[in-house]
Amino acid sequence: MSIKLETLSATSSLASLEGDIRSFEARGFELITLASGVVGGLPSNTMALRRLGIGNRPGPLTLTEVDPALDIAGQETKVNDQETGAKKLISYAAVFVNGNPTNVGAYRG
């Protein structure tokens, strides 16, 4: 299994981040995790992807913002409530959205 790390802009909107990830997934990768960090001294988002076999494609991806004003238990409830049917949580972390740290859940399905 091949792993790839990619840096995404810290100033992108949530929809733009989702589109960037989907673009990589359309080229045969699958998101494993998404997190914020610093690259070259600047805030950034980093995603880890794994290479899929030929002809394999991951299911639909959705990024969802979780209100940081919620306490930890409230955030956990919100994150878990998003999992319904085939929709499963694959990553939950603070990432930069429009330049601001934002709690984001990434769901597949």
Protein backbone atom coordinates (compact mmCIF):
# COMPACT_ATOMS: atom_id res chain seq x y z
CA MET A 1 0.00 0.00 0.00
CA SER A 2 1.40 3.36 -1.07
CA ILE A 3 0.83 6.43 1.16
CA LYS A 4 0.91 10.00 -0.13
CA LEU A 5 0.97 13.24 1.88
CA GLU A 6 -0.37 16.40 0.28
CA THR A 7 -0.52 19.97 1.56
CA LEU A 8 -3.73 21.97 1.08
CA SER A 9 -4.26 25.70 1.48
CA ALA A 10 -5.14 27.06 4.92
CA THR A 11 -7.29 29.75 3.28
CA SER A 12 -9.62 27.45 1.30
CA SER A 13 -13.33 27.16 2.04
CA LEU A 14 -14.73 23.86 3.29
CA ALA A 15 -16.27 23.23 -0.15
CA SER A 16 -12.94 23.93 -1.84
CA LEU A 17 -11.08 21.53 0.51
CA GLU A 18 -13.67 18.86 -0.23
CA GLY A 19 -13.22 19.46 -3.97
CA ASP A 20 -9.43 19.23 -3.69
CA ILE A 21 -9.68 15.92 -1.84
CA ARG A 22 -12.21 14.56 -4.36
CA SER A 23 -9.82 15.52 -7.16
CA PHE A 24 -7.10 13.31 -5.66
CA GLU A 25 -9.59 10.52 -5.07
CA ALA A 26 -10.66 10.66 -8.72
CA ARG A 27 -7.02 9.88 -9.57
CA GLY A 28 -6.98 6.62 -7.59
CA PHE A 29 -6.35 7.73 -4.01
CA GLU A 30 -8.44 7.49 -0.84
CA LEU A 31 -8.35 9.98 2.06
CA ILE A 32 -7.10 8.45 5.31
CA THR A 33 -6.88 11.58 7.46
CA LEU A 34 -6.95 15.37 7.30
CA ALA A 35 -5.23 17.66 9.83
CA SER A 36 -3.82 21.15 10.26
CA GLY A 37 -0.16 21.96 10.70
CA VAL A 38 2.67 24.19 9.60
CA VAL A 39 4.65 23.77 6.39
CA GLY A 40 7.53 26.11 5.59
CA GLY A 41 6.55 28.25 8.58
CA LEU A 42 3.02 28.83 7.27
CA PRO A 43 -0.29 27.36 8.46
CA SER A 44 -1.52 24.58 6.20
CA ASN A 45 -3.70 21.51 5.98
CA THR A 46 -2.19 18.11 5.31
CA MET A 47 -4.01 15.07 4.04
CA ALA A 48 -2.78 11.50 4.05
CA LEU A 49 -4.02 9.36 1.19
CA ARG A 50 -3.52 5.76 0.22
CA ARG A 51 -3.20 4.51 -3.34
CA LEU A 52 -6.06 2.25 -4.39
CA GLY A 53 -5.86 -0.67 -6.78
CA ILE A 54 -6.64 -0.17 -10.46
CA GLY A 55 -10.36 0.37 -11.01
CA ASN A 56 -11.11 0.89 -7.30
CA ARG A 57 -12.75 4.13 -6.24
CA PRO A 58 -13.67 5.29 -2.74
CA GLY A 59 -17.27 6.10 -1.87
CA PRO A 60 -18.55 9.69 -1.74
CA LEU A 61 -16.75 12.06 0.64
CA THR A 62 -18.39 14.75 2.78
CA LEU A 63 -16.67 17.29 5.04
CA THR A 64 -18.77 18.69 7.90
CA GLU A 65 -17.92 21.54 10.27
CA VAL A 66 -18.52 20.87 13.98
CA ASP A 67 -19.28 23.86 16.24
CA PRO A 68 -16.22 24.52 18.45
CA ALA A 69 -18.48 26.14 21.07
CA LEU A 70 -19.75 22.66 21.94
CA ASP A 71 -18.04 20.94 24.85
CA ILE A 72 -16.13 17.72 24.11
CA ALA A 73 -19.18 15.54 24.80
CA GLY A 74 -21.31 17.72 22.50
CA GLN A 75 -18.71 17.54 19.73
CA GLU A 76 -18.53 13.76 20.10
CA THR A 77 -22.32 13.49 19.87
CA LYS A 78 -22.40 15.76 16.79
CA VAL A 79 -19.65 13.75 15.07
CA ASN A 80 -21.30 10.41 15.84
CA ASP A 81 -24.77 11.63 14.85
CA GLN A 82 -23.47 12.27 11.32
CA GLU A 83 -22.83 8.54 10.91
CA THR A 84 -25.97 7.07 9.41
CA GLY A 85 -26.39 3.97 7.28
CA ALA A 86 -23.41 3.68 4.99
CA LYS A 87 -21.96 7.08 6.05
CA LYS A 88 -18.92 6.46 8.29
CA LEU A 89 -16.46 8.80 10.00
CA ILE A 90 -12.94 8.52 8.62
CA SER A 91 -11.28 11.58 10.19
CA TYR A 92 -12.02 14.26 12.79
CA ALA A 93 -9.57 17.07 13.46
CA ALA A 94 -9.06 20.81 13.57
CA VAL A 95 -8.16 22.05 10.08
CA PHE A 96 -7.86 25.54 8.64
CA VAL A 97 -10.98 26.72 6.81
CA ASN A 98 -10.84 30.26 5.39
CA GLY A 99 -7.70 30.72 7.50
CA ASN A 100 -9.40 29.82 10.79
CA PRO A 101 -8.96 26.64 12.87
CA THR A 102 -12.18 24.66 12.40
CA ASN A 103 -13.26 21.26 13.72
CA VAL A 104 -14.07 19.12 10.68
CA GLY A 105 -15.39 15.60 10.33
CA ALA A 106 -14.68 13.70 7.11
CA TYR A 107 -17.27 11.07 6.25
CA ARG A 108 -17.37 8.37 3.61
CA GLY A 109 -20.57 7.01 2.14
